[in-house]
Structure formats: C-alpha cells, structure tokens
Amino acid sequence: MKACCGFGHRSVFENITESLDKAVIEAVQEGCEVFYTGAMGDFDRLYSCAVRKAKVSYPHIKLVCVKPYFTNDINKGKIYYEMLYDDIIIPSEILGIHYKAAIKARNRWIVDNSDLVISYVIRNYGGAADALKYAERKL
C-alpha cells in the first residue's frame, strides 16, 4: 500500500487549495491510499481538507494524523479527532524522545513511511524545509 505525506509552513498566505486538491487526486491516481499529516498548522489543515475532499470520490483512502507525542488534547478532543482523521498514531519508534526533538523525529518517520511527498515550502529554513530536505535525500 502506497502512502503520501504533506509538509508545509505553519502559516500559508496564499490560496493553494486548488493546487493541493489536484496534487492529492494525482497521488491517489498513482496508488496512494494512506495520507499522513502532522496536523500542526495552516498547510496541514489545507492538506487534510484536500484529502477529505478526495475521500468523497475515493472512499478507500485514509487520512492519518501522526502526533509526535501524547498530549491531553487527544483525550479532550477525542470526538473532534475521530471526526477529522481515520486514525491517530504516535509511532512507537519515537516514543520517549525529548519533546523538543520529537517533531523532527516524527517528520522523519512520516517521510520514511511515505512513497510520495506533497509540499509547500517557500523558505529554506524551519521544520517544513528540514522535512523536505530529508525527503529529497530519502525518496
């Protein structure tokens, strides 16, 4: 089963909705059935919306939220999370990593478990840029 992930900046200041919708459909047509998101900012929200739109035509695809560590919002917002995502995971490989390093470790896990990356990176620094650089070396 092929997987796709999305990486982009926390803040998005332009309309990328149409491009994301198209990229997600192309990923599905290339065989991606699992779509990983970190669910941490504007890009992740837009990417997740694009996957949910695609689910209307391709109900077999799954949107998976990959958390870097356990937070109480998963319990408090359980119904909210279950409504938005098909699954919520914290990879066992990153359990116990210091929280300041956990997001980077989570992003690497997502790349390592994906076949395709959809990205919106306009700066060469920050978490999204680091994840994309790692993906370019790995994929």
N, C-alpha and C. Protein backbone atom coordinates (compact mmCIF):
# COMPACT_ATOMS: atom_id res chain seq x y z
N MET A 1 0.84 -1.18 0.00
CA MET A 1 0.00 0.00 0.00
C MET A 1 0.89 1.24 0.00
N LYS A 2 0.66 2.14 -0.95
CA LYS A 2 1.46 3.35 -1.05
C LYS A 2 0.93 4.43 -0.12
N ALA A 3 1.86 5.24 0.38
CA ALA A 3 1.50 6.33 1.29
C ALA A 3 2.04 7.65 0.77
N CYS A 4 1.35 8.72 1.14
CA CYS A 4 1.72 10.08 0.78
C CYS A 4 1.73 10.91 2.05
N CYS A 5 2.59 11.91 2.08
CA CYS A 5 2.59 12.83 3.21
C CYS A 5 2.65 14.25 2.69
N GLY A 6 2.33 15.18 3.56
CA GLY A 6 2.37 16.59 3.19
C GLY A 6 3.17 17.38 4.21
N PHE A 7 4.01 18.26 3.72
CA PHE A 7 4.78 19.16 4.58
C PHE A 7 4.68 20.57 4.05
N GLY A 8 4.43 21.50 4.96
CA GLY A 8 4.36 22.90 4.57
C GLY A 8 4.45 23.78 5.79
N HIS A 9 4.54 25.06 5.55
CA HIS A 9 4.72 26.02 6.64
C HIS A 9 3.49 26.14 7.51
N ARG A 10 3.73 26.51 8.74
CA ARG A 10 2.65 26.71 9.72
C ARG A 10 1.66 27.77 9.22
N SER A 11 2.18 28.83 8.58
CA SER A 11 1.33 29.89 8.05
C SER A 11 1.39 29.89 6.53
N VAL A 12 0.23 29.93 5.90
CA VAL A 12 0.13 29.98 4.44
C VAL A 12 -0.60 31.28 4.09
N PHE A 13 0.04 32.10 3.28
CA PHE A 13 -0.50 33.43 2.97
C PHE A 13 -0.99 33.55 1.53
N GLU A 14 -1.21 32.44 0.88
CA GLU A 14 -1.75 32.48 -0.48
C GLU A 14 -2.74 31.33 -0.64
N ASN A 15 -3.52 31.39 -1.69
CA ASN A 15 -4.52 30.36 -1.92
C ASN A 15 -3.88 29.18 -2.66
N ILE A 16 -3.68 28.09 -1.95
CA ILE A 16 -3.08 26.89 -2.54
C ILE A 16 -4.09 25.75 -2.60
N THR A 17 -5.34 26.03 -2.30
CA THR A 17 -6.37 24.99 -2.21
C THR A 17 -6.50 24.19 -3.50
N GLU A 18 -6.61 24.86 -4.62
CA GLU A 18 -6.79 24.17 -5.90
C GLU A 18 -5.58 23.29 -6.23
N SER A 19 -4.38 23.80 -5.99
CA SER A 19 -3.16 23.03 -6.25
C SER A 19 -3.09 21.80 -5.35
N LEU A 20 -3.46 21.97 -4.09
CA LEU A 20 -3.44 20.83 -3.17
C LEU A 20 -4.48 19.78 -3.56
N ASP A 21 -5.68 20.23 -3.91
CA ASP A 21 -6.72 19.29 -4.35
C ASP A 21 -6.21 18.46 -5.52
N LYS A 22 -5.60 19.13 -6.48
CA LYS A 22 -5.08 18.45 -7.68
C LYS A 22 -3.95 17.48 -7.30
N ALA A 23 -3.04 17.90 -6.43
CA ALA A 23 -1.92 17.05 -6.04
C ALA A 23 -2.40 15.80 -5.31
N VAL A 24 -3.39 15.95 -4.46
CA VAL A 24 -3.92 14.79 -3.72
C VAL A 24 -4.59 13.81 -4.69
N ILE A 25 -5.38 14.30 -5.62
CA ILE A 25 -6.02 13.42 -6.62
C ILE A 25 -4.96 12.69 -7.43
N GLU A 26 -3.91 13.40 -7.83
CA GLU A 26 -2.82 12.76 -8.59
C GLU A 26 -2.15 11.68 -7.75
N ALA A 27 -1.98 11.93 -6.46
CA ALA A 27 -1.37 10.92 -5.57
C ALA A 27 -2.26 9.69 -5.48
N VAL A 28 -3.55 9.88 -5.38
CA VAL A 28 -4.48 8.74 -5.35
C VAL A 28 -4.39 7.96 -6.65
N GLN A 29 -4.35 8.67 -7.76
CA GLN A 29 -4.26 8.02 -9.07
C GLN A 29 -2.94 7.28 -9.25
N GLU A 30 -1.91 7.70 -8.51
CA GLU A 30 -0.62 6.99 -8.54
C GLU A 30 -0.61 5.81 -7.57
N GLY A 31 -1.70 5.60 -6.86
CA GLY A 31 -1.82 4.44 -5.98
C GLY A 31 -1.71 4.70 -4.49
N CYS A 32 -1.59 5.95 -4.09
CA CYS A 32 -1.52 6.25 -2.66
C CYS A 32 -2.88 6.03 -2.01
N GLU A 33 -2.86 5.32 -0.91
CA GLU A 33 -4.10 5.03 -0.18
C GLU A 33 -4.07 5.59 1.24
N VAL A 34 -2.87 5.88 1.76
CA VAL A 34 -2.72 6.43 3.10
C VAL A 34 -2.08 7.81 2.96
N PHE A 35 -2.65 8.79 3.67
CA PHE A 35 -2.16 10.16 3.64
C PHE A 35 -1.83 10.58 5.06
N TYR A 36 -0.54 10.81 5.32
CA TYR A 36 -0.08 11.21 6.66
C TYR A 36 -0.04 12.73 6.79
N THR A 37 -0.47 13.21 7.94
CA THR A 37 -0.37 14.63 8.26
C THR A 37 0.11 14.81 9.69
N GLY A 38 0.83 15.90 9.93
CA GLY A 38 1.25 16.23 11.28
C GLY A 38 0.22 17.06 12.01
N ALA A 39 -0.73 17.64 11.29
CA ALA A 39 -1.86 18.39 11.86
C ALA A 39 -1.40 19.52 12.79
N MET A 40 -0.46 20.36 12.30
CA MET A 40 0.07 21.38 13.20
C MET A 40 -0.01 22.81 12.68
N GLY A 41 -0.56 23.06 11.52
CA GLY A 41 -0.59 24.44 11.04
C GLY A 41 -1.48 24.60 9.83
N ASP A 42 -1.39 25.77 9.19
CA ASP A 42 -2.23 26.07 8.04
C ASP A 42 -2.07 25.05 6.92
N PHE A 43 -0.83 24.76 6.54
CA PHE A 43 -0.64 23.82 5.44
C PHE A 43 -1.26 22.48 5.78
N ASP A 44 -1.01 21.97 6.98
CA ASP A 44 -1.55 20.66 7.37
C ASP A 44 -3.07 20.67 7.32
N ARG A 45 -3.68 21.76 7.73
CA ARG A 45 -5.15 21.88 7.69
C ARG A 45 -5.64 21.85 6.25
N LEU A 46 -4.99 22.60 5.36
CA LEU A 46 -5.39 22.63 3.95
C LEU A 46 -5.16 21.28 3.27
N TYR A 47 -4.03 20.65 3.56
CA TYR A 47 -3.72 19.33 3.02
C TYR A 47 -4.77 18.31 3.48
N SER A 48 -5.11 18.34 4.77
CA SER A 48 -6.11 17.42 5.31
C SER A 48 -7.47 17.64 4.66
N CYS A 49 -7.83 18.90 4.43
CA CYS A 49 -9.10 19.21 3.75
C CYS A 49 -9.11 18.64 2.34
N ALA A 50 -7.98 18.75 1.65
CA ALA A 50 -7.88 18.21 0.29
C ALA A 50 -8.06 16.69 0.29
N VAL A 51 -7.48 16.03 1.28
CA VAL A 51 -7.64 14.57 1.37
C VAL A 51 -9.09 14.22 1.68
N ARG A 52 -9.71 14.95 2.60
CA ARG A 52 -11.12 14.67 2.92
C ARG A 52 -12.02 14.90 1.69
N LYS A 53 -11.73 15.91 0.89
CA LYS A 53 -12.49 16.13 -0.35
C LYS A 53 -12.32 14.95 -1.30
N ALA A 54 -11.08 14.47 -1.41
CA ALA A 54 -10.80 13.34 -2.30
C ALA A 54 -11.51 12.07 -1.83
N LYS A 55 -11.72 11.94 -0.52
CA LYS A 55 -12.40 10.77 0.03
C LYS A 55 -13.83 10.62 -0.49
N VAL A 56 -14.42 11.72 -0.93
CA VAL A 56 -15.77 11.65 -1.50
C VAL A 56 -15.77 10.77 -2.74
N SER A 57 -14.77 10.94 -3.60
CA SER A 57 -14.66 10.14 -4.82
C SER A 57 -13.87 8.86 -4.63
N TYR A 58 -13.00 8.85 -3.63
CA TYR A 58 -12.13 7.70 -3.35
C TYR A 58 -12.27 7.32 -1.88
N PRO A 59 -13.38 6.70 -1.50
CA PRO A 59 -13.64 6.45 -0.07
C PRO A 59 -12.67 5.46 0.59
N HIS A 60 -11.88 4.78 -0.20
CA HIS A 60 -10.94 3.80 0.36
C HIS A 60 -9.68 4.45 0.95
N ILE A 61 -9.41 5.72 0.61
CA ILE A 61 -8.19 6.34 1.12
C ILE A 61 -8.35 6.71 2.59
N LYS A 62 -7.23 6.79 3.30
CA LYS A 62 -7.23 7.07 4.73
C LYS A 62 -6.38 8.29 5.03
N LEU A 63 -6.87 9.12 5.94
CA LEU A 63 -6.13 10.27 6.44
C LEU A 63 -5.69 9.95 7.86
N VAL A 64 -4.38 9.94 8.07
CA VAL A 64 -3.81 9.54 9.35
C VAL A 64 -3.05 10.71 9.97
N CYS A 65 -3.44 11.07 11.18
CA CYS A 65 -2.76 12.12 11.95
C CYS A 65 -1.62 11.46 12.73
N VAL A 66 -0.41 11.94 12.50
CA VAL A 66 0.76 11.39 13.19
C VAL A 66 1.23 12.41 14.21
N LYS A 67 1.02 12.10 15.47
CA LYS A 67 1.39 13.00 16.57
C LYS A 67 2.83 12.70 16.99
N PRO A 68 3.58 13.72 17.41
CA PRO A 68 4.96 13.49 17.83
C PRO A 68 5.07 12.95 19.25
N TYR A 69 4.02 13.17 20.04
CA TYR A 69 3.99 12.71 21.44
C TYR A 69 2.56 12.82 21.92
N PHE A 70 2.27 12.17 23.01
CA PHE A 70 0.92 12.21 23.55
C PHE A 70 0.65 13.57 24.19
N THR A 71 -0.50 14.12 23.89
CA THR A 71 -0.97 15.35 24.55
C THR A 71 -2.41 15.13 24.99
N ASN A 72 -2.81 15.86 25.98
CA ASN A 72 -4.14 15.68 26.53
C ASN A 72 -5.24 16.10 25.56
N ASP A 73 -4.90 16.89 24.54
CA ASP A 73 -5.94 17.29 23.59
C ASP A 73 -6.51 16.10 22.83
N ILE A 74 -5.76 15.02 22.73
CA ILE A 74 -6.27 13.82 22.08
C ILE A 74 -7.45 13.27 22.89
N ASN A 75 -7.33 13.28 24.21
CA ASN A 75 -8.43 12.82 25.06
C ASN A 75 -9.56 13.83 25.11
N LYS A 76 -9.22 15.08 25.33
CA LYS A 76 -10.24 16.13 25.44
C LYS A 76 -11.03 16.28 24.14
N GLY A 77 -10.34 16.20 23.03
CA GLY A 77 -10.99 16.39 21.73
C GLY A 77 -11.16 15.10 20.96
N LYS A 78 -11.38 14.00 21.65
CA LYS A 78 -11.44 12.68 21.01
C LYS A 78 -12.46 12.65 19.87
N ILE A 79 -13.65 13.17 20.10
CA ILE A 79 -14.69 13.15 19.06
C ILE A 79 -14.24 14.00 17.87
N TYR A 80 -13.64 15.15 18.14
CA TYR A 80 -13.14 16.04 17.09
C TYR A 80 -12.09 15.32 16.24
N TYR A 81 -11.11 14.69 16.89
CA TYR A 81 -10.05 13.98 16.17
C TYR A 81 -10.63 12.82 15.36
N GLU A 82 -11.54 12.08 15.96
CA GLU A 82 -12.13 10.93 15.26
C GLU A 82 -12.97 11.36 14.06
N MET A 83 -13.52 12.56 14.13
CA MET A 83 -14.30 13.09 13.02
C MET A 83 -13.40 13.51 11.85
N LEU A 84 -12.21 14.03 12.17
CA LEU A 84 -11.32 14.54 11.14
C LEU A 84 -10.40 13.50 10.52
N TYR A 85 -10.00 12.51 11.31
CA TYR A 85 -8.98 11.56 10.86
C TYR A 85 -9.47 10.12 10.95
N ASP A 86 -8.97 9.30 10.03
CA ASP A 86 -9.31 7.88 10.07
C ASP A 86 -8.54 7.16 11.15
N ASP A 87 -7.37 7.69 11.49
CA ASP A 87 -6.56 7.11 12.55
C ASP A 87 -5.65 8.20 13.11
N ILE A 88 -5.28 8.02 14.36
CA ILE A 88 -4.34 8.93 15.04
C ILE A 88 -3.27 8.04 15.65
N ILE A 89 -2.03 8.29 15.28
CA ILE A 89 -0.96 7.43 15.78
C ILE A 89 0.18 8.26 16.37
N ILE A 90 0.89 7.62 17.27
CA ILE A 90 2.18 8.11 17.76
C ILE A 90 3.14 6.95 17.49
N PRO A 91 4.03 7.11 16.52
CA PRO A 91 4.91 5.98 16.18
C PRO A 91 5.73 5.49 17.38
N SER A 92 5.76 4.19 17.55
CA SER A 92 6.50 3.62 18.68
C SER A 92 7.99 3.94 18.59
N GLU A 93 8.49 4.14 17.38
CA GLU A 93 9.91 4.44 17.18
C GLU A 93 10.32 5.77 17.80
N ILE A 94 9.37 6.66 18.02
CA ILE A 94 9.75 7.97 18.56
C ILE A 94 9.28 8.17 20.00
N LEU A 95 8.65 7.17 20.58
CA LEU A 95 8.23 7.27 21.98
C LEU A 95 9.45 7.47 22.87
N GLY A 96 9.35 8.37 23.80
CA GLY A 96 10.44 8.60 24.74
C GLY A 96 11.46 9.63 24.29
N ILE A 97 11.35 10.09 23.05
CA ILE A 97 12.25 11.14 22.58
C ILE A 97 11.85 12.46 23.24
N HIS A 98 12.83 13.24 23.63
CA HIS A 98 12.55 14.53 24.26
C HIS A 98 11.62 15.33 23.37
N TYR A 99 10.65 16.01 23.98
CA TYR A 99 9.62 16.69 23.19
C TYR A 99 10.18 17.73 22.22
N LYS A 100 11.33 18.32 22.53
CA LYS A 100 11.91 19.32 21.63
C LYS A 100 12.47 18.67 20.36
N ALA A 101 12.77 17.39 20.41
CA ALA A 101 13.28 16.67 19.24
C ALA A 101 12.20 15.81 18.58
N ALA A 102 11.06 15.68 19.23
CA ALA A 102 10.04 14.74 18.78
C ALA A 102 9.40 15.13 17.45
N ILE A 103 9.20 16.41 17.21
CA ILE A 103 8.56 16.81 15.95
C ILE A 103 9.45 16.47 14.76
N LYS A 104 10.74 16.75 14.89
CA LYS A 104 11.66 16.40 13.81
C LYS A 104 11.72 14.89 13.60
N ALA A 105 11.72 14.13 14.69
CA ALA A 105 11.72 12.66 14.60
C ALA A 105 10.43 12.16 13.96
N ARG A 106 9.31 12.78 14.33
CA ARG A 106 8.02 12.41 13.73
C ARG A 106 8.03 12.67 12.23
N ASN A 107 8.55 13.84 11.83
CA ASN A 107 8.61 14.17 10.40
C ASN A 107 9.47 13.18 9.64
N ARG A 108 10.57 12.76 10.22
CA ARG A 108 11.42 11.76 9.57
C ARG A 108 10.69 10.42 9.46
N TRP A 109 9.94 10.06 10.50
CA TRP A 109 9.17 8.82 10.47
C TRP A 109 8.15 8.88 9.33
N ILE A 110 7.48 10.03 9.21
CA ILE A 110 6.48 10.18 8.15
C ILE A 110 7.14 10.00 6.78
N VAL A 111 8.28 10.65 6.55
CA VAL A 111 8.98 10.52 5.27
C VAL A 111 9.40 9.07 5.05
N ASP A 112 9.98 8.44 6.08
CA ASP A 112 10.44 7.06 5.95
C ASP A 112 9.32 6.09 5.60
N ASN A 113 8.08 6.46 5.93
CA ASN A 113 6.94 5.58 5.69
C ASN A 113 6.05 6.07 4.55
N SER A 114 6.58 6.96 3.73
CA SER A 114 5.83 7.50 2.59
C SER A 114 6.55 7.22 1.28
N ASP A 115 5.75 7.17 0.22
CA ASP A 115 6.27 6.98 -1.12
C ASP A 115 6.26 8.27 -1.93
N LEU A 116 5.50 9.24 -1.45
CA LEU A 116 5.32 10.49 -2.18
C LEU A 116 5.15 11.63 -1.17
N VAL A 117 5.68 12.80 -1.51
CA VAL A 117 5.56 13.98 -0.64
C VAL A 117 4.90 15.11 -1.42
N ILE A 118 3.90 15.71 -0.80
CA ILE A 118 3.29 16.94 -1.32
C ILE A 118 3.77 18.05 -0.40
N SER A 119 4.32 19.12 -0.98
CA SER A 119 4.90 20.14 -0.10
C SER A 119 4.55 21.55 -0.55
N TYR A 120 4.62 22.43 0.43
CA TYR A 120 4.51 23.87 0.22
C TYR A 120 5.60 24.50 1.07
N VAL A 121 6.76 24.68 0.47
CA VAL A 121 7.91 25.22 1.19
C VAL A 121 8.46 26.38 0.37
N ILE A 122 8.39 27.58 0.95
CA ILE A 122 8.86 28.77 0.24
C ILE A 122 10.06 29.40 0.92
N ARG A 123 10.42 28.89 2.11
CA ARG A 123 11.62 29.35 2.82
C ARG A 123 12.54 28.14 2.99
N ASN A 124 13.83 28.39 3.06
CA ASN A 124 14.76 27.27 3.19
C ASN A 124 15.16 27.01 4.64
N TYR A 125 14.33 27.41 5.58
CA TYR A 125 14.58 27.14 6.99
C TYR A 125 13.25 26.75 7.66
N GLY A 126 13.36 26.14 8.82
CA GLY A 126 12.18 25.73 9.57
C GLY A 126 11.90 24.24 9.41
N GLY A 127 10.92 23.77 10.14
CA GLY A 127 10.59 22.35 10.17
C GLY A 127 10.16 21.79 8.83
N ALA A 128 9.33 22.54 8.10
CA ALA A 128 8.87 22.06 6.80
C ALA A 128 10.04 21.96 5.82
N ALA A 129 10.91 22.94 5.82
CA ALA A 129 12.08 22.91 4.93
C ALA A 129 13.00 21.75 5.29
N ASP A 130 13.21 21.53 6.58
CA ASP A 130 14.05 20.40 7.02
C ASP A 130 13.44 19.07 6.58
N ALA A 131 12.13 18.93 6.73
CA ALA A 131 11.46 17.69 6.34
C ALA A 131 11.57 17.46 4.84
N LEU A 132 11.40 18.51 4.06
CA LEU A 132 11.50 18.39 2.61
C LEU A 132 12.92 18.01 2.20
N LYS A 133 13.93 18.63 2.81
CA LYS A 133 15.33 18.29 2.51
C LYS A 133 15.59 16.82 2.83
N TYR A 134 15.08 16.36 3.97
CA TYR A 134 15.24 14.95 4.34
C TYR A 134 14.55 14.06 3.33
N ALA A 135 13.35 14.44 2.90
CA ALA A 135 12.62 13.64 1.91
C ALA A 135 13.36 13.59 0.57
N GLU A 136 13.93 14.69 0.16
CA GLU A 136 14.68 14.72 -1.11
C GLU A 136 15.87 13.77 -1.06
N ARG A 137 16.48 13.61 0.10
CA ARG A 137 17.61 12.67 0.23
C ARG A 137 17.12 11.23 0.26
N LYS A 138 15.95 10.99 0.85
CA LYS A 138 15.44 9.64 1.07
C LYS A 138 14.64 9.07 -0.11
N LEU A 139 13.86 9.92 -0.76
CA LEU A 139 12.93 9.39 -1.79
C LEU A 139 13.48 9.50 -3.18
